[in-house]
Amino acid sequence: MSKEPVAVVGIGQTKHVAARRDVSIAGLVREAARRALDDAELGWADIDAVVIGKAPDFFEGVMMPELYLADALGAVGKPMLRVHTAGSVGGSTALVAANLVAARVHGTVLTLAFEKQSESNAMWGLSLPIPFQQPLLAGAGGFFAPHVRAYMRRSGAPDTIGSLVAYKDRRNALKNPYAHLHEHDITLEKVQASPMLWDPIRYSETCPSSDGACAMILTDRAGAARAPRPPAWMLGGAMRSEPTLFAGKDAVSPQAGKDCAADVYRQAGIADPRRDIDAVEMYVPFSWYEPMWLENLGFAAEGEGWKLTESGVTELDGDLPVNMSGGVLSTNPIGASGMIRFAEAALQVRGQAGEHQVDGARKALGHAYGGGSQFFSMWLVGAEPPDA
């Protein structure tokens, strides 16, 4: 039996900020869910199941928060699933929800991911000692900086590439009302003059700590026919994982990322991603990961990704816009960051991205990764259904 086509008919985000002290976690998630329902012109009664995701529970210190959030999300008496795959969780949560629709288990599913970093300390929560080396890794940046340096050595990329990415994404964020960082006085010189945190990653080349939530309404073909606005159609989606440490692991371009992208492209009939995909929302928590993921996802040959960044290809008005919304570099409620990438890709093909809309975007990729570059989730969405 063929899969049921999956449509994104509702998208909702909170305004992402450093601290949402005006609401509890329940109030935060309900705000995003309500906006997604309003976008789809649906009510709580129209939702058959809820799939929720977030980063590790120890961040906020609330164990299994999905249990007490069921009421806030209209899930009382309905099936509810919790997903966790580290930083990629927002993407994998959306894929679990999409698979429920594709398998015809449920007709309409609310999927949501969130983080309230103001009630946690993710920096030290992510500073766990790694086996066989000194526990001197302050936060995720300390873990990933050696991978960035390895990429620079392998590719010969000049040390200015990271600042170009950060400058681009922070300018894009100014066009996104939901983005956390709105640095109206941002200049390339300011990025390059910011303090060095983890060589070669500077302060302005890192993601912020954000409170926020993102929700989507996913439905079947019948539900899409009733939608008030054109939906985004899922053309392909996949998850892959690999161990954090194993002999032969390529930390610069993980095999799981390559395999995940290849599966998505196969499902969507994409022969040449550089030519066939119009826009990319990529999980870039540290600026250097843009050129690294451009190669990992097949948009550039090995060692060539930085040249796309340097030549302006990834700018909002470039040939392959990347992180039109400002990306993770501008907004990072960790558990939701992957779902925001997926949702922003869907907004692009729905033509609803506002000032950061890419003209004529028909196919867009949403990408998330997590853990020690070990968990990957991606989807490709289009303006036309998969059998069109």
Protein backbone atom coordinates (compact mmCIF):
# COMPACT_ATOMS: atom_id res chain seq x y z
CA MET A 1 0.00 0.00 0.00
CA SER A 2 1.32 3.44 -0.88
CA LYS A 3 1.93 6.07 1.77
CA GLU A 4 -0.60 8.78 2.47
CA PRO A 5 0.70 12.18 1.28
CA VAL A 6 1.54 14.45 4.23
CA ALA A 7 0.71 18.17 4.16
CA VAL A 8 1.76 20.98 6.50
CA VAL A 9 -1.37 23.11 6.91
CA GLY A 10 -0.56 25.03 10.09
CA ILE A 11 2.62 26.60 11.49
CA GLY A 12 3.04 28.52 14.74
CA GLN A 13 6.00 29.94 16.62
CA THR A 14 6.46 31.99 19.74
CA LYS A 15 8.60 35.11 19.69
CA HIS A 16 11.95 33.66 20.69
CA VAL A 17 13.71 35.58 23.44
CA ALA A 18 16.33 35.06 26.15
CA ALA A 19 13.71 34.63 28.89
CA ARG A 20 9.92 34.29 28.69
CA ARG A 21 9.21 34.96 32.36
CA ASP A 22 5.59 35.85 31.60
CA VAL A 23 4.61 32.23 30.89
CA SER A 24 5.26 28.75 32.23
CA ILE A 25 6.45 25.97 29.94
CA ALA A 26 2.80 25.01 29.51
CA GLY A 27 1.90 28.56 28.51
CA LEU A 28 4.83 28.68 26.09
CA VAL A 29 3.90 25.51 24.22
CA ARG A 30 0.20 26.39 24.14
CA GLU A 31 1.04 29.74 22.51
CA ALA A 32 2.84 28.06 19.60
CA ALA A 33 0.18 25.35 19.26
CA ARG A 34 -2.63 27.89 19.25
CA ARG A 35 -0.94 29.84 16.46
CA ALA A 36 -0.52 26.68 14.39
CA LEU A 37 -4.19 25.81 14.88
CA ASP A 38 -5.23 29.33 13.92
CA ASP A 39 -3.10 29.13 10.77
CA ALA A 40 -4.87 25.89 9.82
CA GLU A 41 -8.26 27.26 11.00
CA LEU A 42 -8.70 24.19 13.19
CA GLY A 43 -9.61 23.61 16.84
CA TRP A 44 -8.25 21.26 19.50
CA ALA A 45 -11.04 18.79 18.71
CA ASP A 46 -9.72 18.42 15.14
CA ILE A 47 -6.41 16.98 16.36
CA ASP A 48 -6.17 13.18 16.49
CA ALA A 49 -2.79 12.89 18.23
CA VAL A 50 0.09 14.98 19.59
CA VAL A 51 3.84 14.37 19.13
CA ILE A 52 6.08 16.49 21.34
CA GLY A 53 9.86 16.82 21.52
CA LYS A 54 12.50 18.61 23.53
CA ALA A 55 16.17 18.36 24.47
CA PRO A 56 17.35 16.52 27.62
CA ASP A 57 15.05 16.80 30.62
CA PHE A 58 17.95 17.77 32.89
CA PHE A 59 18.19 21.14 31.13
CA GLU A 60 15.13 22.48 32.96
CA GLY A 61 15.10 19.77 35.60
CA VAL A 62 11.51 18.73 34.81
CA MET A 63 11.38 15.02 34.14
CA MET A 64 8.94 13.83 31.46
CA PRO A 65 7.31 17.28 31.04
CA GLU A 66 5.07 15.85 28.30
CA LEU A 67 2.90 14.33 31.03
CA TYR A 68 1.88 17.64 32.54
CA LEU A 69 1.82 19.39 29.14
CA ALA A 70 -0.87 17.06 27.78
CA ASP A 71 -3.64 19.32 29.09
CA ALA A 72 -2.05 22.49 27.66
CA LEU A 73 -1.86 20.84 24.23
CA GLY A 74 -5.39 19.49 24.09
CA ALA A 75 -4.08 15.94 24.32
CA VAL A 76 -6.25 14.65 27.18
CA GLY A 77 -7.74 11.37 26.02
CA LYS A 78 -5.66 11.38 22.84
CA PRO A 79 -2.47 9.51 21.88
CA MET A 80 0.64 11.48 22.79
CA LEU A 81 4.25 10.62 21.97
CA ARG A 82 7.49 12.12 23.27
CA VAL A 83 10.60 12.14 21.06
CA HIS A 84 14.21 12.84 22.04
CA THR A 85 17.26 12.82 19.74
CA ALA A 86 19.44 15.54 21.30
CA GLY A 87 19.71 18.72 19.19
CA SER A 88 18.05 17.11 16.17
CA VAL A 89 14.91 16.40 18.19
CA GLY A 90 12.79 19.14 16.63
CA GLY A 91 13.28 17.58 13.22
CA SER A 92 12.82 13.97 14.32
CA THR A 93 9.68 14.93 16.26
CA ALA A 94 8.15 16.33 13.07
CA LEU A 95 9.14 13.16 11.18
CA VAL A 96 7.52 10.88 13.76
CA ALA A 97 4.32 12.92 13.43
CA ALA A 98 4.54 12.84 9.63
CA ASN A 99 4.99 9.06 9.65
CA LEU A 100 1.80 8.66 11.70
CA VAL A 101 -0.09 10.49 8.97
CA ALA A 102 1.74 8.71 6.13
CA ALA A 103 0.91 5.32 7.67
CA ARG A 104 -2.75 6.38 8.04
CA VAL A 105 -2.61 5.81 11.81
CA HIS A 106 -3.97 9.34 12.34
CA GLY A 107 -5.49 11.88 9.98
CA THR A 108 -4.35 15.13 11.62
CA VAL A 109 -1.46 15.45 14.07
CA LEU A 110 -0.17 18.37 16.13
CA THR A 111 3.61 18.26 16.49
CA LEU A 112 5.47 20.62 18.79
CA ALA A 113 8.95 21.14 20.19
CA PHE A 114 10.17 23.60 22.80
CA GLU A 115 12.89 24.73 25.18
CA LYS A 116 12.95 27.18 28.06
CA GLN A 117 16.67 27.73 28.40
CA SER A 118 16.17 30.53 30.91
CA GLU A 119 15.17 27.80 33.38
CA SER A 120 18.24 25.70 32.66
CA ASN A 121 21.98 25.88 32.26
CA ALA A 122 22.65 24.22 28.93
CA MET A 123 26.27 25.41 28.85
CA TRP A 124 27.24 23.28 31.83
CA GLY A 125 24.64 20.66 31.05
CA LEU A 126 26.59 20.10 27.82
CA SER A 127 29.97 20.03 29.57
CA LEU A 128 29.97 16.36 30.49
CA PRO A 129 33.42 14.74 30.41
CA ILE A 130 34.09 12.80 27.22
CA PRO A 131 35.87 9.43 27.63
CA PHE A 132 39.64 9.33 27.15
CA GLN A 133 40.24 13.08 27.22
CA GLN A 134 40.39 15.88 29.73
CA PRO A 135 36.97 17.27 30.72
CA LEU A 136 37.73 20.81 29.56
CA LEU A 137 34.84 21.21 27.13
CA ALA A 138 32.77 24.21 28.15
CA GLY A 139 29.54 23.72 26.27
CA ALA A 140 28.90 22.42 22.78
CA GLY A 141 31.36 24.89 21.23
CA GLY A 142 34.24 23.27 23.05
CA PHE A 143 33.26 19.93 21.53
CA PHE A 144 32.80 21.17 17.96
CA ALA A 145 35.70 23.64 17.66
CA PRO A 146 38.28 20.91 16.91
CA HIS A 147 36.01 19.65 14.11
CA VAL A 148 35.93 23.15 12.65
CA ARG A 149 39.71 23.41 12.81
CA ALA A 150 39.96 20.04 11.06
CA TYR A 151 37.66 21.33 8.32
CA MET A 152 39.82 24.43 7.86
CA ARG A 153 42.93 22.28 7.50
CA ARG A 154 41.30 19.89 5.05
CA SER A 155 39.61 22.51 2.88
CA GLY A 156 42.10 25.36 3.05
CA ALA A 157 39.25 27.73 3.93
CA PRO A 158 40.36 31.23 4.99
CA ASP A 159 39.57 32.17 8.59
CA THR A 160 37.07 34.84 7.46
CA ILE A 161 34.35 32.36 6.39
CA GLY A 162 32.79 31.96 9.82
CA SER A 163 32.27 35.68 10.24
CA LEU A 164 30.66 35.93 6.78
CA VAL A 165 28.10 33.30 7.77
CA ALA A 166 27.31 34.99 11.07
CA TYR A 167 26.98 38.41 9.44
CA LYS A 168 24.59 36.98 6.83
CA ASP A 169 22.40 35.12 9.32
CA ARG A 170 22.12 38.02 11.75
CA ARG A 171 21.07 40.32 8.89
CA ASN A 172 18.49 37.75 7.78
CA ALA A 173 17.14 37.61 11.34
CA LEU A 174 16.26 41.30 11.12
CA LYS A 175 13.64 40.30 8.53
CA ASN A 176 12.12 37.65 10.82
CA PRO A 177 9.85 39.00 13.58
CA TYR A 178 10.10 35.73 15.55
CA ALA A 179 13.93 35.64 15.65
CA HIS A 180 15.63 36.09 19.01
CA LEU A 181 18.61 38.25 18.03
CA HIS A 182 17.79 41.50 16.25
CA GLU A 183 21.15 43.26 16.04
CA HIS A 184 20.27 46.36 14.05
CA ASP A 185 23.82 47.71 14.24
CA ILE A 186 25.48 44.48 13.09
CA THR A 187 28.53 44.85 10.83
CA LEU A 188 31.07 42.36 9.56
CA GLU A 189 33.73 44.24 11.51
CA LYS A 190 31.77 43.80 14.77
CA VAL A 191 31.49 40.06 14.20
CA GLN A 192 35.22 39.80 13.51
CA ALA A 193 36.08 41.90 16.57
CA SER A 194 33.96 39.85 18.99
CA PRO A 195 35.80 37.79 21.62
CA MET A 196 37.24 34.41 20.74
CA LEU A 197 35.41 31.71 22.70
CA TRP A 198 36.64 28.43 21.21
CA ASP A 199 39.28 28.99 18.55
CA PRO A 200 38.30 29.65 15.75
CA ILE A 201 34.71 30.32 16.93
CA ARG A 202 34.03 33.87 18.08
CA TYR A 203 31.23 35.05 20.34
CA SER A 204 29.22 36.50 17.44
CA GLU A 205 29.61 33.24 15.52
CA THR A 206 27.69 31.24 18.12
CA CYS A 207 24.00 30.61 18.81
CA PRO A 208 22.16 32.33 21.65
CA SER A 209 20.24 30.67 24.50
CA SER A 210 16.55 31.10 23.76
CA ASP A 211 13.14 30.39 25.19
CA GLY A 212 10.67 29.37 22.52
CA ALA A 213 8.39 26.81 20.93
CA CYS A 214 7.39 25.80 17.42
CA ALA A 215 4.34 23.81 16.31
CA MET A 216 2.98 22.38 13.07
CA ILE A 217 -0.28 20.78 12.01
CA LEU A 218 0.30 17.81 9.69
CA THR A 219 -2.58 16.21 7.87
CA ASP A 220 -3.57 13.84 5.08
CA ARG A 221 -4.83 14.58 1.58
CA ALA A 222 -8.42 15.06 2.76
CA GLY A 223 -7.31 17.48 5.45
CA ALA A 224 -5.19 19.41 2.95
CA ALA A 225 -8.20 19.80 0.68
CA ARG A 226 -10.02 21.59 3.52
CA ALA A 227 -7.09 23.85 4.39
CA PRO A 228 -7.67 27.60 4.02
CA ARG A 229 -4.24 28.20 2.49
CA PRO A 230 -1.94 26.21 0.19
CA PRO A 231 -0.06 23.59 2.22
CA ALA A 232 3.54 22.48 2.06
CA TRP A 233 3.82 18.85 0.97
CA MET A 234 6.40 16.49 2.39
CA LEU A 235 8.38 15.04 -0.52
CA GLY A 236 10.88 13.08 1.55
CA GLY A 237 12.03 12.67 5.13
CA ALA A 238 14.62 10.58 6.94
CA MET A 239 16.56 10.11 10.18
CA ARG A 240 19.98 8.57 10.63
CA SER A 241 22.35 8.16 13.57
CA GLU A 242 25.84 6.93 14.30
CA PRO A 243 27.93 6.58 17.48
CA THR A 244 29.68 9.61 18.92
CA LEU A 245 33.01 7.80 18.86
CA PHE A 246 34.08 4.94 16.64
CA ALA A 247 37.14 4.01 14.61
CA GLY A 248 37.07 5.87 11.34
CA LYS A 249 34.39 8.40 12.28
CA ASP A 250 34.58 11.53 10.15
CA ALA A 251 33.62 14.32 12.53
CA VAL A 252 33.89 16.92 9.75
CA SER A 253 31.41 15.19 7.42
CA PRO A 254 29.61 12.37 9.27
CA GLN A 255 28.44 9.41 7.21
CA ALA A 256 25.03 9.46 8.91
CA GLY A 257 24.44 12.97 7.56
CA LYS A 258 25.37 11.93 4.04
CA ASP A 259 23.15 8.85 4.23
CA CYS A 260 20.21 10.80 5.61
CA ALA A 261 20.39 13.42 2.86
CA ALA A 262 20.77 10.75 0.17
CA ASP A 263 17.63 8.97 1.41
CA VAL A 264 15.60 12.19 1.38
CA TYR A 265 16.77 13.05 -2.14
CA ARG A 266 15.93 9.52 -3.33
CA GLN A 267 12.41 9.77 -1.93
CA ALA A 268 11.88 13.19 -3.48
CA GLY A 269 13.42 12.33 -6.85
CA ILE A 270 16.21 14.88 -6.44
CA ALA A 271 19.09 14.15 -8.81
CA ASP A 272 21.07 17.36 -8.24
CA PRO A 273 20.31 19.11 -4.92
CA ARG A 274 22.31 22.19 -5.90
CA ARG A 275 20.07 22.68 -8.94
CA ASP A 276 16.76 21.18 -7.77
CA ILE A 277 16.40 22.73 -4.28
CA ASP A 278 15.52 26.40 -3.97
CA ALA A 279 16.28 27.14 -0.31
CA VAL A 280 17.78 25.46 2.76
CA GLU A 281 17.10 25.88 6.47
CA MET A 282 20.19 24.24 7.92
CA TYR A 283 21.10 23.58 11.56
CA VAL A 284 24.11 25.87 12.04
CA PRO A 285 24.73 26.57 15.77
CA PHE A 286 28.30 27.70 15.04
CA SER A 287 28.91 29.64 11.86
CA TRP A 288 31.50 27.31 10.34
CA TYR A 289 28.93 24.55 10.06
CA GLU A 290 27.34 26.22 7.03
CA PRO A 291 30.19 25.33 4.64
CA MET A 292 30.68 21.98 6.39
CA TRP A 293 27.02 20.98 5.94
CA LEU A 294 26.90 22.30 2.38
CA GLU A 295 29.39 19.56 1.59
CA ASN A 296 27.81 16.92 3.83
CA LEU A 297 24.38 17.46 2.22
CA GLY A 298 25.70 17.29 -1.34
CA PHE A 299 25.40 20.96 -2.32
CA ALA A 300 29.16 21.27 -2.80
CA ALA A 301 32.09 18.95 -3.40
CA GLU A 302 34.37 18.12 -0.50
CA GLY A 303 36.47 21.15 0.41
CA GLU A 304 34.37 23.51 -1.73
CA GLY A 305 31.54 24.50 0.62
CA TRP A 306 33.29 27.61 1.92
CA LYS A 307 33.52 28.95 -1.64
CA LEU A 308 29.71 29.06 -1.88
CA THR A 309 29.61 31.11 1.30
CA GLU A 310 32.42 33.42 0.23
CA SER A 311 30.91 34.09 -3.21
CA GLY A 312 27.49 35.03 -1.81
CA VAL A 313 25.63 31.96 -3.10
CA THR A 314 24.04 31.39 0.34
CA GLU A 315 22.84 35.00 0.80
CA LEU A 316 19.09 35.67 0.92
CA ASP A 317 19.24 36.88 -2.68
CA GLY A 318 21.83 34.28 -3.71
CA ASP A 319 21.50 31.25 -5.93
CA LEU A 320 21.04 28.90 -2.93
CA PRO A 321 19.77 30.87 0.09
CA VAL A 322 20.67 29.27 3.42
CA ASN A 323 19.01 30.12 6.74
CA MET A 324 16.73 32.81 5.43
CA SER A 325 15.13 33.09 8.88
CA GLY A 326 18.41 33.87 10.63
CA GLY A 327 18.94 30.23 11.55
CA VAL A 328 20.12 28.71 14.81
CA LEU A 329 22.77 31.44 14.97
CA SER A 330 19.94 33.90 15.69
CA THR A 331 17.40 31.70 17.52
CA ASN A 332 18.15 28.62 19.61
CA PRO A 333 15.52 27.10 21.91
CA ILE A 334 17.47 23.85 21.58
CA GLY A 335 14.60 21.36 21.60
CA ALA A 336 12.69 23.43 19.05
CA SER A 337 15.59 24.54 16.85
CA GLY A 338 15.30 21.59 14.46
CA MET A 339 11.54 21.96 14.11
CA ILE A 340 11.98 25.67 13.37
CA ARG A 341 14.21 24.65 10.43
CA PHE A 342 11.49 22.28 9.19
CA ALA A 343 8.74 24.86 9.72
CA GLU A 344 10.68 27.64 8.03
CA ALA A 345 11.26 25.41 4.99
CA ALA A 346 7.51 24.82 4.87
CA LEU A 347 6.80 28.56 5.17
CA GLN A 348 9.03 29.17 2.15
CA VAL A 349 7.16 26.81 -0.18
CA ARG A 350 3.83 28.11 1.14
CA GLY A 351 4.96 31.63 0.27
CA GLN A 352 4.37 32.74 3.87
CA ALA A 353 7.87 33.68 5.02
CA GLY A 354 7.27 37.42 4.90
CA GLU A 355 10.31 39.63 4.47
CA HIS A 356 12.67 36.65 4.36
CA GLN A 357 10.72 34.90 1.60
CA VAL A 358 12.76 33.53 -1.31
CA ASP A 359 11.07 34.48 -4.57
CA GLY A 360 9.68 31.46 -6.37
CA ALA A 361 10.72 28.90 -3.74
CA ARG A 362 9.09 25.59 -4.72
CA LYS A 363 11.28 23.07 -2.86
CA ALA A 364 13.02 23.67 0.45
CA LEU A 365 15.13 21.47 2.73
CA GLY A 366 14.85 21.44 6.52
CA HIS A 367 17.87 19.98 8.34
CA ALA A 368 18.73 19.23 11.96
CA TYR A 369 21.59 17.50 13.76
CA GLY A 370 22.39 16.75 17.35
CA GLY A 371 24.60 15.04 19.89
CA GLY A 372 28.23 14.69 18.90
CA SER A 373 27.32 15.11 15.20
CA GLN A 374 25.59 11.76 15.55
CA PHE A 375 21.84 12.32 15.08
CA PHE A 376 20.43 13.68 11.81
CA SER A 377 16.89 14.42 10.66
CA MET A 378 15.85 16.09 7.41
CA TRP A 379 12.81 16.68 5.26
CA LEU A 380 12.19 18.17 1.85
CA VAL A 381 8.93 20.00 1.33
CA GLY A 382 7.38 21.29 -1.88
CA ALA A 383 4.58 23.48 -3.14
CA GLU A 384 3.11 20.55 -5.09
CA PRO A 385 2.06 17.14 -3.72
CA PRO A 386 4.49 14.25 -4.29
CA ASP A 387 2.42 12.70 -7.08
CA ALA A 388 1.88 15.96 -8.98
